[in-house]
Protein backbone atom coordinates (compact mmCIF):
# COMPACT_ATOMS: atom_id res chain seq x y z
CA MET A 1 0.08 0.00 -0.09
CA ASP A 2 1.20 3.60 -0.84
CA ARG A 3 -0.66 4.81 2.28
CA ASN A 4 -1.99 3.37 5.42
CA THR A 5 -5.27 1.58 5.09
CA THR A 6 -7.96 3.44 7.37
CA PRO A 7 -9.88 0.61 9.13
CA PRO A 8 -13.56 0.92 10.37
CA ALA A 9 -13.81 2.27 13.69
CA ASP A 10 -15.45 -0.75 15.30
CA GLU A 11 -12.98 -3.20 13.70
CA ARG A 12 -11.56 -5.89 16.08
CA TRP A 13 -8.39 -6.51 14.18
CA PRO A 14 -7.46 -2.98 12.90
CA GLY A 15 -5.32 -2.94 9.77
CA GLN A 16 -5.86 -6.61 8.91
CA LEU A 17 -7.47 -7.83 5.82
CA ALA A 18 -8.64 -11.26 4.61
CA ALA A 19 -9.14 -12.99 1.36
CA ILE A 20 -11.10 -16.04 0.67
CA ASP A 21 -10.16 -17.85 -2.53
CA ILE A 22 -12.83 -20.42 -3.48
CA GLY A 23 -10.92 -22.33 -6.06
CA SER A 24 -11.76 -25.49 -8.12
CA ASN A 25 -9.23 -27.65 -6.13
CA SER A 26 -8.69 -25.92 -2.97
CA PHE A 27 -10.19 -23.16 -0.72
CA ARG A 28 -7.77 -20.76 0.76
CA LEU A 29 -8.02 -18.14 3.56
CA GLU A 30 -5.18 -15.66 3.88
CA ILE A 31 -5.17 -12.96 6.50
CA ALA A 32 -2.55 -10.13 6.13
CA GLN A 33 -1.51 -6.77 7.49
CA LEU A 34 -0.91 -3.99 5.08
CA HIS A 35 1.30 -1.01 5.79
CA GLU A 36 2.70 1.26 3.08
CA GLN A 37 4.77 -0.86 1.01
CA ARG A 38 4.87 -3.87 3.36
CA TYR A 39 2.75 -7.07 3.25
CA ARG A 40 2.92 -9.19 6.52
CA ARG A 41 1.06 -12.52 6.50
CA VAL A 42 -0.75 -13.10 9.61
CA GLU A 43 -2.21 -16.50 8.87
CA TYR A 44 -2.90 -18.86 5.98
CA LEU A 45 -5.31 -21.74 5.83
CA LYS A 46 -5.81 -24.15 2.93
CA GLU A 47 -8.22 -26.98 2.48
CA THR A 48 -8.43 -29.40 -0.45
CA VAL A 49 -12.12 -29.37 -1.43
CA ARG A 50 -12.10 -30.44 -5.00
CA LEU A 51 -15.18 -28.42 -5.82
CA GLY A 52 -14.32 -28.77 -9.45
CA ALA A 53 -14.36 -32.52 -9.39
CA GLY A 54 -18.13 -32.23 -8.22
CA LEU A 55 -19.35 -30.81 -11.44
CA ALA A 56 -21.76 -33.50 -12.92
CA PRO A 57 -21.99 -34.03 -16.65
CA ASP A 58 -25.06 -31.71 -16.82
CA GLY A 59 -23.02 -28.80 -15.43
CA THR A 60 -24.56 -28.98 -11.83
CA LEU A 61 -22.54 -29.01 -8.70
CA THR A 62 -23.20 -32.23 -6.76
CA GLU A 63 -24.53 -32.23 -3.14
CA GLU A 64 -21.44 -34.12 -1.97
CA ALA A 65 -19.07 -31.42 -3.44
CA ALA A 66 -21.38 -28.73 -2.03
CA THR A 67 -21.31 -30.05 1.44
CA ARG A 68 -17.50 -30.26 1.48
CA GLY A 69 -17.36 -26.67 0.39
CA LEU A 70 -19.87 -25.51 2.96
CA ALA A 71 -18.05 -27.42 5.81
CA CYS A 72 -14.81 -25.61 4.75
CA LEU A 73 -16.46 -22.20 4.68
CA ALA A 74 -17.96 -22.78 8.12
CA ARG A 75 -14.44 -23.32 9.43
CA PHE A 76 -13.26 -20.35 7.75
CA ALA A 77 -16.10 -18.27 9.18
CA GLU A 78 -15.16 -19.41 12.66
CA ARG A 79 -11.60 -18.19 12.21
CA LEU A 80 -12.96 -14.82 11.02
CA LYS A 81 -15.05 -14.00 13.95
CA GLY A 82 -14.42 -10.44 15.00
CA TYR A 83 -13.58 -9.18 11.48
CA THR A 84 -15.98 -6.83 9.93
CA PRO A 85 -17.45 -7.34 6.34
CA GLN A 86 -15.42 -4.55 5.11
CA GLN A 87 -12.21 -6.45 6.23
CA VAL A 88 -12.89 -9.59 4.17
CA ARG A 89 -13.38 -10.25 0.51
CA ALA A 90 -14.46 -13.77 -0.82
CA VAL A 91 -14.05 -14.65 -4.47
CA ALA A 92 -15.06 -17.71 -6.41
CA THR A 93 -13.56 -18.73 -9.60
CA GLN A 94 -14.05 -21.19 -12.51
CA THR A 95 -16.09 -24.07 -10.97
CA LEU A 96 -18.78 -21.53 -9.93
CA ARG A 97 -18.44 -19.67 -13.13
CA GLU A 98 -19.55 -22.92 -14.78
CA ALA A 99 -21.92 -24.43 -12.28
CA ARG A 100 -25.69 -24.27 -13.55
CA ASN A 101 -26.87 -24.20 -9.92
CA ARG A 102 -24.24 -21.88 -8.57
CA ASP A 103 -26.89 -19.29 -7.31
CA ALA A 104 -28.34 -21.92 -5.10
CA PHE A 105 -24.87 -22.92 -3.71
CA LEU A 106 -23.96 -19.32 -3.21
CA ALA A 107 -27.19 -18.59 -1.24
CA ARG A 108 -26.16 -21.39 1.17
CA ALA A 109 -22.34 -20.62 1.20
CA GLN A 110 -23.10 -16.84 2.05
CA LYS A 111 -25.38 -17.91 4.76
CA VAL A 112 -22.61 -20.16 6.29
CA LEU A 113 -19.77 -17.61 5.79
CA GLY A 114 -21.73 -14.67 6.81
CA LEU A 115 -20.22 -12.58 4.01
CA PRO A 116 -21.16 -12.07 0.21
CA ILE A 117 -19.21 -14.20 -2.30
CA GLU A 118 -18.24 -12.66 -5.52
CA VAL A 119 -17.97 -14.81 -8.67
CA ILE A 120 -15.18 -13.23 -10.71
CA SER A 121 -14.62 -13.47 -14.33
CA GLY A 122 -11.49 -15.28 -15.82
CA ARG A 123 -9.88 -11.99 -16.73
CA GLU A 124 -10.60 -10.50 -13.41
CA GLU A 125 -8.89 -13.59 -11.85
CA ALA A 126 -6.02 -12.98 -14.03
CA ARG A 127 -5.75 -9.36 -13.10
CA LEU A 128 -5.88 -10.12 -9.44
CA ILE A 129 -3.23 -12.89 -9.83
CA TYR A 130 -0.82 -10.53 -11.38
CA ALA A 131 -1.69 -7.85 -8.77
CA GLY A 132 -0.39 -10.38 -6.11
CA VAL A 133 2.65 -11.27 -7.98
CA ALA A 134 3.66 -7.83 -9.10
CA ARG A 135 3.29 -6.45 -5.43
CA LEU A 136 5.07 -9.29 -3.68
CA GLN A 137 7.72 -9.97 -6.28
CA PRO A 138 8.37 -6.63 -8.06
CA SER A 139 10.44 -6.55 -11.15
CA PRO A 140 11.31 -3.93 -13.84
CA VAL A 141 11.45 -6.36 -16.77
CA PRO A 142 8.52 -7.55 -18.83
CA ARG A 143 7.27 -10.80 -17.39
CA LEU A 144 4.98 -13.70 -18.25
CA VAL A 145 2.85 -15.04 -15.20
CA ILE A 146 0.96 -18.32 -15.36
CA ASP A 147 -1.33 -19.71 -12.84
CA ILE A 148 -2.82 -23.27 -13.47
CA GLY A 149 -6.01 -23.91 -11.28
CA GLY A 150 -8.23 -26.76 -11.13
CA ARG A 151 -10.54 -25.89 -14.05
CA SER A 152 -8.86 -22.80 -15.60
CA THR A 153 -5.45 -21.52 -16.50
CA GLU A 154 -4.64 -17.83 -16.32
CA ILE A 155 -1.84 -16.29 -18.48
CA ILE A 156 -0.77 -12.61 -18.00
CA LEU A 157 1.71 -10.50 -19.66
CA GLY A 158 2.93 -7.56 -17.55
CA HIS A 159 5.33 -4.86 -16.90
CA GLY A 160 5.91 -3.46 -13.54
CA ARG A 161 2.52 -3.44 -11.76
CA ARG A 162 0.49 -2.98 -14.92
CA PRO A 163 -0.86 -6.20 -16.59
CA VAL A 164 -0.57 -5.55 -20.28
CA ARG A 165 -2.57 -8.57 -21.29
CA ALA A 166 -4.59 -11.01 -19.15
CA GLU A 167 -6.63 -14.01 -20.33
CA SER A 168 -8.10 -17.10 -18.79
CA PHE A 169 -8.50 -20.42 -20.51
CA GLN A 170 -10.85 -23.22 -19.51
CA ILE A 171 -8.45 -26.08 -18.80
CA GLY A 172 -6.93 -26.99 -15.39
CA SER A 173 -5.25 -29.67 -13.49
CA VAL A 174 -8.52 -31.21 -12.15
CA SER A 175 -10.46 -31.08 -15.34
CA LEU A 176 -7.50 -32.76 -17.36
CA SER A 177 -6.76 -35.31 -14.73
CA LEU A 178 -10.41 -36.40 -14.54
CA LYS A 179 -10.81 -36.78 -18.34
CA TYR A 180 -7.42 -38.30 -19.40
CA PHE A 181 -6.29 -39.90 -16.29
CA GLY A 182 -9.44 -41.72 -15.20
CA GLU A 183 -9.32 -44.00 -12.22
CA GLY A 184 -5.78 -42.79 -11.44
CA ARG A 185 -4.15 -44.56 -14.39
CA PHE A 186 -1.06 -42.92 -15.96
CA THR A 187 -0.55 -43.92 -19.76
CA GLU A 188 1.39 -42.40 -22.62
CA GLN A 189 -1.93 -42.08 -24.60
CA GLY A 190 -3.40 -40.14 -21.64
CA PHE A 191 -0.47 -37.67 -21.53
CA ARG A 192 -0.53 -37.23 -25.35
CA GLN A 193 -4.46 -36.72 -25.47
CA ALA A 194 -4.08 -34.18 -22.41
CA GLN A 195 -1.30 -32.32 -24.05
CA VAL A 196 -3.27 -32.03 -27.36
CA ALA A 197 -6.36 -30.90 -25.41
CA ALA A 198 -4.28 -28.28 -23.57
CA GLY A 199 -2.59 -27.01 -26.79
CA ALA A 200 -5.94 -26.81 -28.60
CA GLU A 201 -7.34 -24.49 -25.67
CA LEU A 202 -4.11 -22.36 -25.45
CA GLU A 203 -3.43 -22.03 -29.19
CA GLU A 204 -5.01 -18.66 -29.51
CA ALA A 205 -2.57 -17.36 -26.93
CA LEU A 206 0.60 -18.16 -28.84
CA GLU A 207 0.93 -14.82 -30.67
CA PRO A 208 -0.01 -12.29 -27.78
CA PHE A 209 2.11 -14.21 -25.14
CA ASN A 210 5.15 -15.38 -27.36
CA ALA A 211 8.59 -15.29 -25.88
CA ALA A 212 9.32 -12.03 -27.79
CA HIS A 213 7.07 -10.07 -25.37
CA TRP A 214 8.73 -11.10 -22.01
CA GLN A 215 12.07 -11.59 -20.37
CA GLU A 216 11.11 -13.82 -17.32
CA ALA A 217 8.34 -16.44 -16.66
CA LEU A 218 6.84 -16.99 -13.39
CA GLY A 219 4.29 -19.45 -12.07
CA SER A 220 1.75 -18.66 -9.39
CA SER A 221 -0.17 -20.95 -6.99
CA GLY A 222 -0.55 -24.54 -6.41
CA THR A 223 0.36 -26.50 -9.40
CA VAL A 224 3.54 -24.70 -10.12
CA GLY A 225 4.56 -24.73 -6.44
CA ALA A 226 4.03 -28.46 -6.18
CA VAL A 227 5.97 -29.25 -9.25
CA SER A 228 8.77 -26.91 -8.21
CA GLN A 229 9.00 -28.77 -4.86
CA LEU A 230 8.96 -32.09 -6.66
CA LEU A 231 11.89 -31.24 -8.88
CA ALA A 232 13.95 -29.74 -5.97
CA ALA A 233 13.29 -32.64 -3.52
CA SER A 234 14.32 -35.02 -6.28
CA GLY A 235 17.44 -33.07 -7.06
CA VAL A 236 16.41 -32.63 -10.69
CA THR A 237 16.58 -28.86 -10.53
CA ASP A 238 17.02 -26.14 -7.94
CA GLY A 239 13.20 -25.60 -8.01
CA ALA A 240 13.08 -24.10 -11.60
CA ILE A 241 10.48 -25.85 -14.00
CA THR A 242 12.24 -26.87 -17.08
CA PRO A 243 11.35 -28.95 -20.09
CA LEU A 244 13.69 -31.51 -19.01
CA GLY A 245 12.43 -31.73 -15.44
CA LEU A 246 8.81 -31.94 -16.68
CA ARG A 247 9.84 -34.97 -19.01
CA TRP A 248 11.48 -36.50 -15.99
CA LEU A 249 8.41 -36.20 -13.89
CA ILE A 250 6.06 -37.44 -16.60
CA GLU A 251 8.55 -40.51 -16.94
CA GLN A 252 8.09 -41.18 -13.20
CA CYS A 253 4.28 -41.00 -13.54
CA LEU A 254 4.41 -43.60 -16.38
CA LYS A 255 6.83 -45.97 -14.52
CA ALA A 256 4.52 -45.90 -11.57
CA GLY A 257 1.42 -46.57 -13.84
CA ARG A 258 -1.06 -45.43 -11.20
CA VAL A 259 -1.54 -42.54 -8.75
CA GLU A 260 -1.32 -44.62 -5.61
CA LYS A 261 2.01 -46.09 -6.72
CA LEU A 262 3.59 -42.74 -7.54
CA SER A 263 6.39 -42.27 -4.86
CA LEU A 264 8.23 -38.96 -5.15
CA PRO A 265 9.83 -37.05 -2.27
CA GLY A 266 7.69 -34.00 -1.59
CA LEU A 267 4.59 -35.18 -3.18
CA LYS A 268 1.71 -34.31 -1.00
CA GLU A 269 -1.36 -36.37 -0.81
CA ASP A 270 -3.77 -33.67 -1.74
CA ARG A 271 -1.70 -33.07 -5.06
CA ARG A 272 -1.31 -36.62 -6.13
CA PRO A 273 -4.73 -37.02 -7.80
CA VAL A 274 -4.28 -33.97 -9.91
CA ILE A 275 -0.68 -33.92 -10.63
CA ALA A 276 -0.76 -35.52 -14.19
CA GLY A 277 -3.09 -32.99 -15.40
CA GLY A 278 -0.92 -30.18 -14.13
CA LEU A 279 2.19 -31.70 -15.73
CA ALA A 280 0.44 -32.04 -19.15
CA ILE A 281 -0.59 -28.35 -19.10
CA LEU A 282 2.97 -27.28 -17.97
CA TYR A 283 4.73 -29.27 -20.57
CA THR A 284 2.53 -27.94 -23.11
CA LEU A 285 3.13 -24.35 -22.10
CA ALA A 286 6.87 -24.81 -22.12
CA ALA A 287 6.80 -26.32 -25.53
CA HIS A 288 4.31 -23.82 -27.15
CA PHE A 289 5.82 -20.65 -25.44
CA ASN A 290 9.40 -21.47 -25.51
CA ILE A 291 9.64 -21.40 -21.72
CA THR A 292 13.16 -22.75 -20.67
CA SER A 293 12.76 -22.03 -17.10
CA LEU A 294 9.54 -21.18 -15.16
CA GLN A 295 10.20 -19.79 -11.49
CA PRO A 296 7.64 -20.20 -8.84
CA ALA A 297 6.26 -16.77 -7.87
CA ARG A 298 5.55 -15.46 -4.38
CA GLY A 299 2.06 -13.88 -4.96
CA ALA A 300 -1.07 -15.49 -6.06
CA LEU A 301 -4.78 -14.58 -6.32
CA ARG A 302 -5.47 -14.44 -2.57
CA GLN A 303 -2.71 -11.61 -2.18
CA GLY A 304 -4.05 -9.73 -5.20
CA VAL A 305 -7.53 -9.84 -3.67
CA ILE A 306 -6.15 -8.26 -0.44
CA PHE A 307 -4.18 -5.42 -2.14
CA ASP A 308 -7.38 -4.73 -4.26
CA LEU A 309 -9.36 -4.66 -0.99
CA GLY A 310 -6.97 -2.35 0.52
CA GLU A 311 -7.11 0.02 -2.38
CA ARG A 312 -10.99 -0.04 -2.17
CA ILE A 313 -10.88 0.86 1.50
CA HIS A 314 -8.37 3.63 0.86
CA ALA A 315 -10.53 5.03 -1.95
CA THR A 316 -13.57 5.11 0.21
CA SER A 317 -11.85 6.88 3.13
CA LEU A 318 -10.03 9.44 0.86
CA PRO A 319 -12.10 9.52 -2.34
CA GLN A 320 -10.29 12.63 -3.60
CA ASP A 321 -6.87 10.83 -3.51
CA GLY A 322 -7.88 7.27 -3.41
CA HIS A 323 -7.77 4.70 -6.25
CA ASP A 324 -10.35 2.07 -6.87
CA ILE A 325 -9.86 0.45 -10.25
CA ARG A 326 -13.58 0.14 -10.66
CA ASP A 327 -13.93 3.87 -11.13
CA ALA A 328 -11.24 3.85 -13.80
CA THR A 329 -13.21 0.98 -15.42
CA VAL A 330 -16.39 3.05 -15.49
CA ARG A 331 -14.68 5.88 -17.03
CA GLU A 332 -13.12 3.62 -19.67
CA LEU A 333 -16.62 2.05 -20.50
CA GLN A 334 -18.05 5.65 -20.94
CA ARG A 335 -15.38 6.50 -23.28
CA ARG A 336 -15.59 3.13 -25.14
CA PHE A 337 -19.35 3.43 -25.63
CA MET A 338 -19.46 7.13 -26.25
CA VAL A 339 -21.56 7.97 -23.23
CA ASP A 340 -22.89 11.54 -22.92
CA THR A 341 -20.89 12.22 -19.70
CA GLU A 342 -22.64 15.61 -19.03
CA GLN A 343 -26.00 13.93 -18.85
CA ALA A 344 -24.49 10.95 -16.76
CA THR A 345 -23.05 13.63 -14.38
CA ARG A 346 -26.40 15.39 -14.01
CA VAL A 347 -28.28 12.13 -13.37
CA THR A 348 -25.62 10.93 -10.89
CA ARG A 349 -25.99 14.32 -8.81
CA VAL A 350 -29.67 14.05 -8.64
CA ALA A 351 -29.81 10.27 -7.82
CA ALA A 352 -26.99 10.65 -5.09
CA ARG A 353 -29.05 13.40 -3.41
CA LEU A 354 -32.34 11.50 -3.52
CA HIS A 355 -30.72 8.18 -2.39
CA ALA A 356 -28.90 9.79 0.57
CA SER A 357 -32.40 11.35 1.91
CA VAL A 358 -34.04 7.93 1.91
CA GLN A 359 -31.09 5.46 2.40
CA PRO A 360 -28.75 7.37 4.80
CA GLN A 361 -27.43 4.18 6.40
CA ALA A 362 -26.82 2.42 3.04
CA GLY A 363 -23.40 0.84 2.81
CA ALA A 364 -20.59 2.25 0.63
CA GLU A 365 -20.95 -0.44 -2.02
CA ALA A 366 -24.74 0.10 -2.35
CA ARG A 367 -24.02 3.78 -2.91
CA ARG A 368 -21.29 3.22 -5.42
CA GLU A 369 -23.39 0.59 -7.37
CA LEU A 370 -26.05 3.21 -7.69
CA LEU A 371 -23.59 5.94 -8.91
CA TRP A 372 -22.02 3.47 -11.36
CA GLY A 373 -25.54 2.66 -12.72
CA CYS A 374 -26.01 6.44 -13.29
CA ALA A 375 -22.75 6.78 -15.06
CA LEU A 376 -23.43 3.95 -17.40
CA HIS A 377 -27.09 3.83 -17.83
CA GLU A 378 -26.96 4.90 -21.45
CA ILE A 379 -24.10 2.78 -22.86
CA GLY A 380 -26.62 0.78 -24.75
CA MET A 381 -27.36 3.75 -26.99
CA MET A 382 -24.23 2.69 -28.75
CA VAL A 383 -26.27 -0.32 -29.97
CA SER A 384 -29.66 1.42 -30.49
CA HIS A 385 -31.75 4.18 -28.96
CA HIS A 386 -34.59 1.80 -29.09
CA ASP A 387 -34.89 -0.08 -25.77
CA HIS A 388 -31.41 1.26 -24.91
CA HIS A 389 -32.05 0.20 -21.32
CA ARG A 390 -32.11 -3.41 -22.35
CA HIS A 391 -28.95 -3.00 -24.49
CA SER A 392 -27.22 -1.30 -21.50
CA ALA A 393 -28.05 -4.07 -18.96
CA TYR A 394 -26.83 -6.78 -21.43
CA LEU A 395 -23.44 -5.07 -21.91
CA LEU A 396 -22.99 -4.38 -18.29
CA ALA A 397 -23.76 -7.96 -17.45
CA HIS A 398 -21.29 -9.44 -20.00
CA VAL A 399 -18.54 -6.81 -20.65
CA ASP A 400 -15.04 -7.52 -19.17
CA ALA A 401 -14.91 -4.90 -16.41
CA ALA A 402 -11.78 -4.89 -14.39
CA GLY A 403 -12.24 -4.68 -10.67
CA PHE A 404 -15.80 -5.83 -10.82
CA SER A 405 -16.92 -9.32 -9.81
CA GLN A 406 -19.62 -10.92 -12.11
CA SER A 407 -22.06 -10.84 -9.22
CA GLN A 408 -21.63 -6.99 -8.83
CA GLN A 409 -21.86 -6.57 -12.67
CA ARG A 410 -25.32 -8.42 -12.56
CA ARG A 411 -26.46 -6.12 -9.77
CA VAL A 412 -25.57 -2.93 -11.68
CA ALA A 413 -27.05 -4.41 -14.83
CA GLU A 414 -30.34 -5.17 -13.10
CA LEU A 415 -30.58 -1.57 -11.74
CA VAL A 416 -29.96 -0.16 -15.31
CA LEU A 417 -32.53 -2.52 -16.72
CA GLY A 418 -34.96 -0.97 -14.33
CA GLN A 419 -34.20 2.64 -15.38
CA ARG A 420 -37.45 2.95 -17.41
CA GLY A 421 -40.53 1.35 -18.49
CA GLY A 422 -42.62 -1.26 -16.41
CA LEU A 423 -41.23 -2.57 -13.30
CA ARG A 424 -42.33 -6.20 -13.75
CA LYS A 425 -39.19 -7.14 -15.62
CA ILE A 426 -37.21 -6.53 -12.30
CA ASP A 427 -39.91 -7.81 -9.91
CA ALA A 428 -37.40 -10.43 -8.22
CA SER A 429 -34.83 -7.77 -7.58
CA LEU A 430 -37.33 -5.22 -6.14
CA THR A 431 -38.13 -7.68 -3.23
CA THR A 432 -34.73 -6.50 -1.77
CA GLU A 433 -35.61 -3.17 -0.21
CA GLN A 434 -32.14 -1.67 -0.96
CA VAL A 435 -32.59 -2.31 -4.68
CA ALA A 436 -36.06 -0.81 -4.81
CA TRP A 437 -34.98 2.40 -3.36
CA GLN A 438 -31.87 2.33 -5.79
CA VAL A 439 -34.08 1.84 -8.71
CA LEU A 440 -36.66 4.52 -7.60
CA CYS A 441 -33.87 7.11 -7.22
CA LEU A 442 -32.31 6.28 -10.57
CA ARG A 443 -35.67 6.61 -12.35
CA LEU A 444 -36.58 9.87 -10.69
CA ALA A 445 -33.18 11.20 -11.50
CA ILE A 446 -33.50 10.37 -15.21
CA ILE A 447 -36.97 11.88 -15.27
CA GLU A 448 -35.72 15.19 -13.70
CA CYS A 449 -32.86 15.24 -16.31
CA HIS A 450 -34.89 14.06 -19.28
CA ALA A 451 -34.48 17.49 -21.20
CA ARG A 452 -30.73 16.96 -21.05
CA GLY A 453 -30.08 20.45 -19.99
CA ASP A 454 -29.04 22.18 -16.80
CA ILE A 455 -31.09 21.44 -13.74
CA ASP A 456 -31.38 22.35 -10.08
CA PRO A 457 -30.48 18.96 -8.35
CA GLY A 458 -32.22 20.04 -5.20
CA VAL A 459 -35.58 20.87 -6.64
CA LEU A 460 -37.11 17.46 -5.87
CA ALA A 461 -37.39 16.28 -2.21
CA LEU A 462 -37.77 12.64 -1.58
CA GLU A 463 -38.53 11.13 1.84
CA ARG A 464 -39.67 7.90 3.32
CA ALA A 465 -43.27 8.43 4.57
CA GLY A 466 -43.59 5.01 6.21
CA PRO A 467 -42.79 1.49 5.37
CA GLY A 468 -42.51 0.95 1.47
CA HIS A 469 -43.83 4.42 0.97
CA ALA A 470 -42.05 7.31 -0.77
CA LEU A 471 -43.24 11.01 -0.77
CA LEU A 472 -41.77 13.11 -3.59
CA GLY A 473 -42.17 16.84 -2.85
CA TYR A 474 -41.73 19.89 -5.13
CA THR A 475 -42.87 23.58 -5.26
CA SER A 476 -46.15 24.59 -7.08
CA SER A 477 -44.07 27.21 -9.05
CA TRP A 478 -41.59 24.57 -10.17
CA ALA A 479 -44.60 22.25 -11.28
CA GLN A 480 -46.14 25.10 -13.21
CA ALA A 481 -42.77 25.82 -14.98
CA HIS A 482 -42.09 22.29 -15.87
CA PRO A 483 -45.42 20.61 -17.06
CA ARG A 484 -43.81 17.96 -19.10
CA THR A 485 -41.56 16.67 -16.17
CA LEU A 486 -44.53 16.72 -13.85
CA PHE A 487 -46.44 14.50 -16.54
CA LEU A 488 -43.62 12.08 -16.33
CA LEU A 489 -43.53 12.11 -12.57
CA ARG A 490 -47.25 11.24 -12.47
CA GLU A 491 -46.68 8.38 -14.83
CA GLU A 492 -43.88 7.27 -12.60
CA ALA A 493 -46.10 7.21 -9.55
CA ASP A 494 -48.62 5.09 -11.57
CA ALA A 495 -45.91 2.60 -12.57
CA TRP A 496 -45.01 2.09 -8.79
CA SER A 497 -48.73 1.70 -7.95
CA ARG A 498 -48.67 -1.52 -9.81
CA SER A 499 -45.65 -2.76 -7.85
CA SER A 500 -45.71 -4.00 -4.29
CA ALA A 501 -42.04 -2.78 -3.74
CA ILE A 502 -42.75 1.01 -3.12
CA ARG A 503 -45.62 3.30 -3.17
CA LEU A 504 -44.85 6.76 -4.48
CA THR A 505 -46.89 9.82 -3.61
CA LEU A 506 -46.22 13.06 -5.22
CA LYS A 507 -46.94 16.37 -3.13
CA ALA A 508 -46.57 19.92 -4.14
């Protein structure tokens, strides 16, 4: 951190931040203390859950795998007692990106953990991995960073702290091991087929990540760390992963023939069932990308999450000086989709004022999601003016947005979808009181600013007149001077009268 992170006043462990990495093979909890440029690990817990091995052929997560995951999260929750929600961030990766029943699992998991869980995109996972590596193992030279997970592999090209290119590929040590080394059998055909499958998935990365673009190669997280330890413990290398070392390990697997017969110094039991898939990916990467030596990296996803969380807290405490990458992403999306930023600013000013009057206790993330919705509510106009709110919602739900989780993108997209028209299309979301007030404030702000000219952001006064009842006040002179806006406000009150979420009453 460039500055001290300001902790919440009621925090039991001031200055400590925690990251939970809900991976396809392992769940990890890291607790750390950040101070200026220093990172101090307080505690690290890891459990082999193999969530990715619990994906059924139809894409659903089995109850057995879900139970393993929930039990692990319950233990993590016990360790995190005394930490505020602002100190902890939980992220989920490829298995929950794929699982068809992920929402049902997440509802149970969040209840057990007592915290929200963010499903992050592959590119966001790659960005966070690089953030962890770049901060804990800084270097001035261009570098290639590789992270082989249970069901995905992230590849990042970076320089300093900046990721130049970050991609995620749907292939990992668990998925390859299950498919090509069934029942724990090691065969030459299995390794060949696994390497062909890995090569097919990674082929599109050959040009953007070729050796001409980097000077050193680093490997992050479990698979690379495990293979590095095996090579060092066997005296094959000093821990560097080389093509020769990988061939030697593959030969040891073939000699053993089966997982349970593989005997290598340093081979941990939790890594044994997925070692063949990891070796196949590593050998393919070394051959295709001309990697002569892959060094294990210090940082990983969980450290990147902690650094990112620290920056979010700092940006909230000192917004004029802080840096939250999500704000930069919003500005970039405005530029890319040619948003009328003056109109977005007008809508933001009005919505923020209205929301503060009816939701003064709203959390920082809820307020920011509303403001991001205001800033991006018109990006769909790049596609078409007709039904632009639907285009905006689709783009927000699916665009690669650095810093945002898929879960948060969907929330902002749902808010933007509700900016106009009937409310039935977002009925499910309106059952959450916080969302209902966000939607109302956005819609009222858009109505006040509909003429796309200068406005007085304080002309409308919104207040809570009781449970589920909003009272919108304005002066008679303003109403007489703005008959078209008044007409739209009356239609808005009528729209809310058909919803059970909030009743809107106009009062001059």
